Amino acid sequence: MTAATDPDYVDSYEDVSMFTLSDERERELLDRQTECTFMWTTSTGDPVGVIMNYVFHDDVFWLTCTRRRKRVPAIEARPRAAVAISSRGTDIGTSQSVTYKGDTEVLDDDETTGWFYPALAARVRPGDEAAQAAFVDHLDSPGRVVIRLSPDARIGFDSERMFAGSPAGGTKTKV
């Protein structure tokens, strides 16, 4: 069977919705990547985003910044936000990405910061307990808040699936 007669062959990438991440590959991406793009809207409706470290715990994204950052009053006023995560910079090997949108909440209670700061330090300073402790001390400041994003929608993409069977992918296997 040739690409032209194969019903599973994709010759146009106008609609890439069929190339979503499997649950297993999505979990690997969330576990291995430490950075996301956090996005919200300004009071004038403009979209804006910044790169932030995150912890994905109990199906929720947890991030932190100081209360002085403009994103804090913005999401308190308009709690809908999104995170986008890419495999770039990891050793996963292929281009994968996933975007989640959902409601946010700004927290600064001791129970949340007590588990979150060490969890974030372990993600961004793995294997170095002294660096983790120093990072927790750095995070534990009076003006710091934790942002909780509870996703309710997602868009996942796996380029390996897209290029399977494509001449652009260098292989003739089916999707």
C-alpha atoms as a PDB file:
ATOM      1  CA  MET A   1       0.000   0.000   0.000  1.00  0.00           C
ATOM      2  CA  THR A   2       1.339   3.438  -0.862  1.00  0.00           C
ATOM      3  CA  ALA A   3       0.872   6.654   1.087  1.00  0.00           C
ATOM      4  CA  ALA A   4      -1.629   7.798  -1.541  1.00  0.00           C
ATOM      5  CA  THR A   5      -3.867   4.736  -1.026  1.00  0.00           C
ATOM      6  CA  ASP A   6      -3.378   4.250   2.728  1.00  0.00           C
ATOM      7  CA  PRO A   7      -6.525   5.517   4.543  1.00  0.00           C
ATOM      8  CA  ASP A   8      -4.511   6.240   7.727  1.00  0.00           C
ATOM      9  CA  TYR A   9      -1.911   8.349   5.938  1.00  0.00           C
ATOM     10  CA  VAL A  10      -2.127  12.074   6.634  1.00  0.00           C
ATOM     11  CA  ASP A  11      -0.894  14.362   3.884  1.00  0.00           C
ATOM     12  CA  SER A  12      -2.057  17.643   5.378  1.00  0.00           C
ATOM     13  CA  TYR A  13      -1.439  19.010   8.830  1.00  0.00           C
ATOM     14  CA  GLU A  14      -4.279  21.533   8.758  1.00  0.00           C
ATOM     15  CA  ASP A  15      -6.058  19.573  11.531  1.00  0.00           C
ATOM     16  CA  VAL A  16      -3.617  18.148  14.067  1.00  0.00           C
ATOM     17  CA  SER A  17      -6.250  17.302  16.689  1.00  0.00           C
ATOM     18  CA  MET A  18      -5.799  13.570  16.053  1.00  0.00           C
ATOM     19  CA  PHE A  19      -2.154  13.722  17.174  1.00  0.00           C
ATOM     20  CA  THR A  20      -2.851  14.096  20.873  1.00  0.00           C
ATOM     21  CA  LEU A  21      -0.601  12.792  23.622  1.00  0.00           C
ATOM     22  CA  SER A  22      -1.350   9.408  25.119  1.00  0.00           C
ATOM     23  CA  ASP A  23      -2.009   9.436  28.861  1.00  0.00           C
ATOM     24  CA  GLU A  24       1.351   7.745  29.440  1.00  0.00           C
ATOM     25  CA  ARG A  25       3.331  10.268  27.378  1.00  0.00           C
ATOM     26  CA  GLU A  26       1.457  13.182  28.924  1.00  0.00           C
ATOM     27  CA  ARG A  27       2.303  11.950  32.425  1.00  0.00           C
ATOM     28  CA  GLU A  28       5.965  11.554  31.430  1.00  0.00           C
ATOM     29  CA  LEU A  29       6.008  15.132  30.101  1.00  0.00           C
ATOM     30  CA  LEU A  30       4.460  16.504  33.300  1.00  0.00           C
ATOM     31  CA  ASP A  31       6.924  14.531  35.443  1.00  0.00           C
ATOM     32  CA  ARG A  32      10.066  15.449  33.493  1.00  0.00           C
ATOM     33  CA  GLN A  33       9.503  19.067  32.583  1.00  0.00           C
ATOM     34  CA  THR A  34       9.874  21.632  35.357  1.00  0.00           C
ATOM     35  CA  GLU A  35       8.807  24.771  33.483  1.00  0.00           C
ATOM     36  CA  CYS A  36       5.574  25.944  31.962  1.00  0.00           C
ATOM     37  CA  THR A  37       4.249  29.094  30.378  1.00  0.00           C
ATOM     38  CA  PHE A  38       1.615  30.543  32.706  1.00  0.00           C
ATOM     39  CA  MET A  39      -0.930  32.725  30.868  1.00  0.00           C
ATOM     40  CA  TRP A  40      -3.646  35.134  31.973  1.00  0.00           C
ATOM     41  CA  THR A  41      -5.343  38.295  30.717  1.00  0.00           C
ATOM     42  CA  THR A  42      -4.776  41.910  31.685  1.00  0.00           C
ATOM     43  CA  SER A  43      -7.532  44.325  32.693  1.00  0.00           C
ATOM     44  CA  THR A  44      -7.663  45.488  29.061  1.00  0.00           C
ATOM     45  CA  GLY A  45      -8.138  41.910  27.821  1.00  0.00           C
ATOM     46  CA  ASP A  46      -4.618  41.449  26.495  1.00  0.00           C
ATOM     47  CA  PRO A  47      -3.126  37.960  26.853  1.00  0.00           C
ATOM     48  CA  VAL A  48       0.222  37.690  28.604  1.00  0.00           C
ATOM     49  CA  GLY A  49       2.401  34.830  29.781  1.00  0.00           C
ATOM     50  CA  VAL A  50       5.586  34.119  31.694  1.00  0.00           C
ATOM     51  CA  ILE A  51       7.792  31.075  32.172  1.00  0.00           C
ATOM     52  CA  MET A  52       7.429  29.593  35.660  1.00  0.00           C
ATOM     53  CA  ASN A  53       8.425  26.445  37.511  1.00  0.00           C
ATOM     54  CA  TYR A  54       5.529  24.232  38.558  1.00  0.00           C
ATOM     55  CA  VAL A  55       4.534  21.208  40.578  1.00  0.00           C
ATOM     56  CA  PHE A  56       1.714  19.005  39.259  1.00  0.00           C
ATOM     57  CA  HIS A  57       0.129  17.395  42.315  1.00  0.00           C
ATOM     58  CA  ASP A  58      -3.351  15.877  42.768  1.00  0.00           C
ATOM     59  CA  ASP A  59      -4.259  16.836  39.173  1.00  0.00           C
ATOM     60  CA  VAL A  60      -3.612  20.519  39.950  1.00  0.00           C
ATOM     61  CA  PHE A  61      -0.812  22.892  38.892  1.00  0.00           C
ATOM     62  CA  TRP A  62       0.958  24.741  41.690  1.00  0.00           C
ATOM     63  CA  LEU A  63       3.167  27.769  41.000  1.00  0.00           C
ATOM     64  CA  THR A  64       4.592  30.608  43.069  1.00  0.00           C
ATOM     65  CA  CYS A  65       5.567  34.254  42.801  1.00  0.00           C
ATOM     66  CA  THR A  66       5.499  37.342  44.957  1.00  0.00           C
ATOM     67  CA  ARG A  67       2.255  39.205  45.460  1.00  0.00           C
ATOM     68  CA  ARG A  68       3.821  42.240  43.726  1.00  0.00           C
ATOM     69  CA  ARG A  69       3.764  40.478  40.347  1.00  0.00           C
ATOM     70  CA  LYS A  70       1.014  41.851  38.099  1.00  0.00           C
ATOM     71  CA  ARG A  71      -0.336  38.371  37.464  1.00  0.00           C
ATOM     72  CA  VAL A  72      -1.578  38.079  41.070  1.00  0.00           C
ATOM     73  CA  PRO A  73      -4.175  40.883  41.048  1.00  0.00           C
ATOM     74  CA  ALA A  74      -5.004  39.948  37.448  1.00  0.00           C
ATOM     75  CA  ILE A  75      -5.966  36.370  38.290  1.00  0.00           C
ATOM     76  CA  GLU A  76      -7.701  37.465  41.470  1.00  0.00           C
ATOM     77  CA  ALA A  77      -9.897  39.685  39.263  1.00  0.00           C
ATOM     78  CA  ARG A  78     -10.147  37.189  36.369  1.00  0.00           C
ATOM     79  CA  PRO A  79      -9.388  33.696  37.692  1.00  0.00           C
ATOM     80  CA  ARG A  80      -9.328  31.910  34.315  1.00  0.00           C
ATOM     81  CA  ALA A  81      -5.766  31.136  33.253  1.00  0.00           C
ATOM     82  CA  ALA A  82      -3.753  28.558  31.329  1.00  0.00           C
ATOM     83  CA  VAL A  83      -0.442  26.734  31.385  1.00  0.00           C
ATOM     84  CA  ALA A  84       1.441  25.390  28.356  1.00  0.00           C
ATOM     85  CA  ILE A  85       4.150  22.772  28.728  1.00  0.00           C
ATOM     86  CA  SER A  86       6.603  21.650  26.052  1.00  0.00           C
ATOM     87  CA  SER A  87       9.097  18.804  25.995  1.00  0.00           C
ATOM     88  CA  ARG A  88      11.819  21.172  24.737  1.00  0.00           C
ATOM     89  CA  GLY A  89      14.796  21.141  27.070  1.00  0.00           C
ATOM     90  CA  THR A  90      14.024  17.651  28.360  1.00  0.00           C
ATOM     91  CA  ASP A  91      15.501  14.334  27.278  1.00  0.00           C
ATOM     92  CA  ILE A  92      12.124  13.013  26.077  1.00  0.00           C
ATOM     93  CA  GLY A  93      13.361  13.272  22.505  1.00  0.00           C
ATOM     94  CA  THR A  94      10.360  14.314  20.433  1.00  0.00           C
ATOM     95  CA  SER A  95       8.343  17.479  20.420  1.00  0.00           C
ATOM     96  CA  GLN A  96       5.384  17.086  22.717  1.00  0.00           C
ATOM     97  CA  SER A  97       3.214  19.746  24.278  1.00  0.00           C
ATOM     98  CA  VAL A  98       0.099  20.128  26.342  1.00  0.00           C
ATOM     99  CA  THR A  99      -1.946  23.170  27.308  1.00  0.00           C
ATOM    100  CA  TYR A 100      -4.428  23.262  30.166  1.00  0.00           C
ATOM    101  CA  LYS A 101      -6.912  25.954  31.069  1.00  0.00           C
ATOM    102  CA  GLY A 102      -8.837  26.329  34.280  1.00  0.00           C
ATOM    103  CA  ASP A 103      -9.633  28.364  37.353  1.00  0.00           C
ATOM    104  CA  THR A 104      -6.965  29.773  39.644  1.00  0.00           C
ATOM    105  CA  GLU A 105      -6.828  30.541  43.316  1.00  0.00           C
ATOM    106  CA  VAL A 106      -4.180  32.580  45.137  1.00  0.00           C
ATOM    107  CA  LEU A 107      -3.085  31.042  48.441  1.00  0.00           C
ATOM    108  CA  ASP A 108      -0.625  31.994  51.165  1.00  0.00           C
ATOM    109  CA  ASP A 109      -1.618  29.753  54.064  1.00  0.00           C
ATOM    110  CA  ASP A 110       0.975  27.779  56.063  1.00  0.00           C
ATOM    111  CA  GLU A 111      -0.502  24.391  55.146  1.00  0.00           C
ATOM    112  CA  THR A 112      -0.068  25.054  51.401  1.00  0.00           C
ATOM    113  CA  THR A 113       3.367  26.667  51.597  1.00  0.00           C
ATOM    114  CA  GLY A 114       4.522  23.975  54.043  1.00  0.00           C
ATOM    115  CA  TRP A 115       4.230  21.158  51.497  1.00  0.00           C
ATOM    116  CA  PHE A 116       4.607  23.171  48.285  1.00  0.00           C
ATOM    117  CA  TYR A 117       7.953  24.904  48.874  1.00  0.00           C
ATOM    118  CA  PRO A 118       9.829  21.649  49.591  1.00  0.00           C
ATOM    119  CA  ALA A 119       8.080  19.934  46.646  1.00  0.00           C
ATOM    120  CA  LEU A 120       9.096  22.724  44.261  1.00  0.00           C
ATOM    121  CA  ALA A 121      12.648  22.771  45.634  1.00  0.00           C
ATOM    122  CA  ALA A 122      12.953  19.008  45.072  1.00  0.00           C
ATOM    123  CA  ARG A 123      11.827  19.446  41.426  1.00  0.00           C
ATOM    124  CA  VAL A 124      14.161  22.298  40.535  1.00  0.00           C
ATOM    125  CA  ARG A 125      17.154  21.252  42.686  1.00  0.00           C
ATOM    126  CA  PRO A 126      16.999  17.430  42.471  1.00  0.00           C
ATOM    127  CA  GLY A 127      19.555  15.423  44.401  1.00  0.00           C
ATOM    128  CA  ASP A 128      21.013  18.365  46.315  1.00  0.00           C
ATOM    129  CA  GLU A 129      19.458  18.594  49.767  1.00  0.00           C
ATOM    130  CA  ALA A 130      21.509  21.660  50.776  1.00  0.00           C
ATOM    131  CA  ALA A 131      20.391  23.528  47.638  1.00  0.00           C
ATOM    132  CA  GLN A 132      16.795  22.448  48.251  1.00  0.00           C
ATOM    133  CA  ALA A 133      16.881  23.760  51.834  1.00  0.00           C
ATOM    134  CA  ALA A 134      18.383  27.057  50.664  1.00  0.00           C
ATOM    135  CA  PHE A 135      15.718  27.344  47.965  1.00  0.00           C
ATOM    136  CA  VAL A 136      12.923  26.721  50.490  1.00  0.00           C
ATOM    137  CA  ASP A 137      14.402  29.478  52.683  1.00  0.00           C
ATOM    138  CA  HIS A 138      14.496  31.778  49.642  1.00  0.00           C
ATOM    139  CA  LEU A 139      10.849  31.027  48.818  1.00  0.00           C
ATOM    140  CA  ASP A 140       9.608  31.473  52.376  1.00  0.00           C
ATOM    141  CA  SER A 141       9.182  35.249  52.266  1.00  0.00           C
ATOM    142  CA  PRO A 142       6.311  37.379  53.574  1.00  0.00           C
ATOM    143  CA  GLY A 143       5.119  38.566  50.154  1.00  0.00           C
ATOM    144  CA  ARG A 144       5.092  35.196  48.391  1.00  0.00           C
ATOM    145  CA  VAL A 145       1.897  33.473  47.254  1.00  0.00           C
ATOM    146  CA  VAL A 146       1.068  30.121  45.721  1.00  0.00           C
ATOM    147  CA  ILE A 147      -1.106  29.944  42.616  1.00  0.00           C
ATOM    148  CA  ARG A 148      -3.308  26.895  42.252  1.00  0.00           C
ATOM    149  CA  LEU A 149      -4.611  26.207  38.745  1.00  0.00           C
ATOM    150  CA  SER A 150      -7.293  23.513  38.566  1.00  0.00           C
ATOM    151  CA  PRO A 151      -7.485  22.449  34.922  1.00  0.00           C
ATOM    152  CA  ASP A 152     -10.828  21.693  33.308  1.00  0.00           C
ATOM    153  CA  ALA A 153      -9.727  21.460  29.664  1.00  0.00           C
ATOM    154  CA  ARG A 154      -6.595  20.337  27.822  1.00  0.00           C
ATOM    155  CA  ILE A 155      -5.035  20.265  24.376  1.00  0.00           C
ATOM    156  CA  GLY A 156      -2.224  17.762  23.884  1.00  0.00           C
ATOM    157  CA  PHE A 157       0.059  17.325  20.888  1.00  0.00           C
ATOM    158  CA  ASP A 158       2.603  14.644  19.967  1.00  0.00           C
ATOM    159  CA  SER A 159       4.737  15.351  16.884  1.00  0.00           C
ATOM    160  CA  GLU A 160       5.971  11.746  16.794  1.00  0.00           C
ATOM    161  CA  ARG A 161       2.417  10.645  16.054  1.00  0.00           C
ATOM    162  CA  MET A 162       2.018  13.417  13.491  1.00  0.00           C
ATOM    163  CA  PHE A 163       5.139  12.514  11.550  1.00  0.00           C
ATOM    164  CA  ALA A 164       4.571   8.734  11.654  1.00  0.00           C
ATOM    165  CA  GLY A 165       3.999   7.692   8.064  1.00  0.00           C
ATOM    166  CA  SER A 166       4.894  11.111   6.724  1.00  0.00           C
ATOM    167  CA  PRO A 167       7.722  11.765   4.274  1.00  0.00           C
ATOM    168  CA  ALA A 168       8.539  14.770   6.507  1.00  0.00           C
ATOM    169  CA  GLY A 169       9.110  12.380   9.408  1.00  0.00           C
ATOM    170  CA  GLY A 170      11.552  10.218   7.487  1.00  0.00           C
ATOM    171  CA  THR A 171       9.531   7.046   8.014  1.00  0.00           C
ATOM    172  CA  LYS A 172       6.811   5.244   6.126  1.00  0.00           C
ATOM    173  CA  THR A 173       4.930   3.795   9.103  1.00  0.00           C
ATOM    174  CA  LYS A 174       1.240   4.428   9.719  1.00  0.00           C
ATOM    175  CA  VAL A 175      -0.142   6.851  12.304  1.00  0.00           C
END
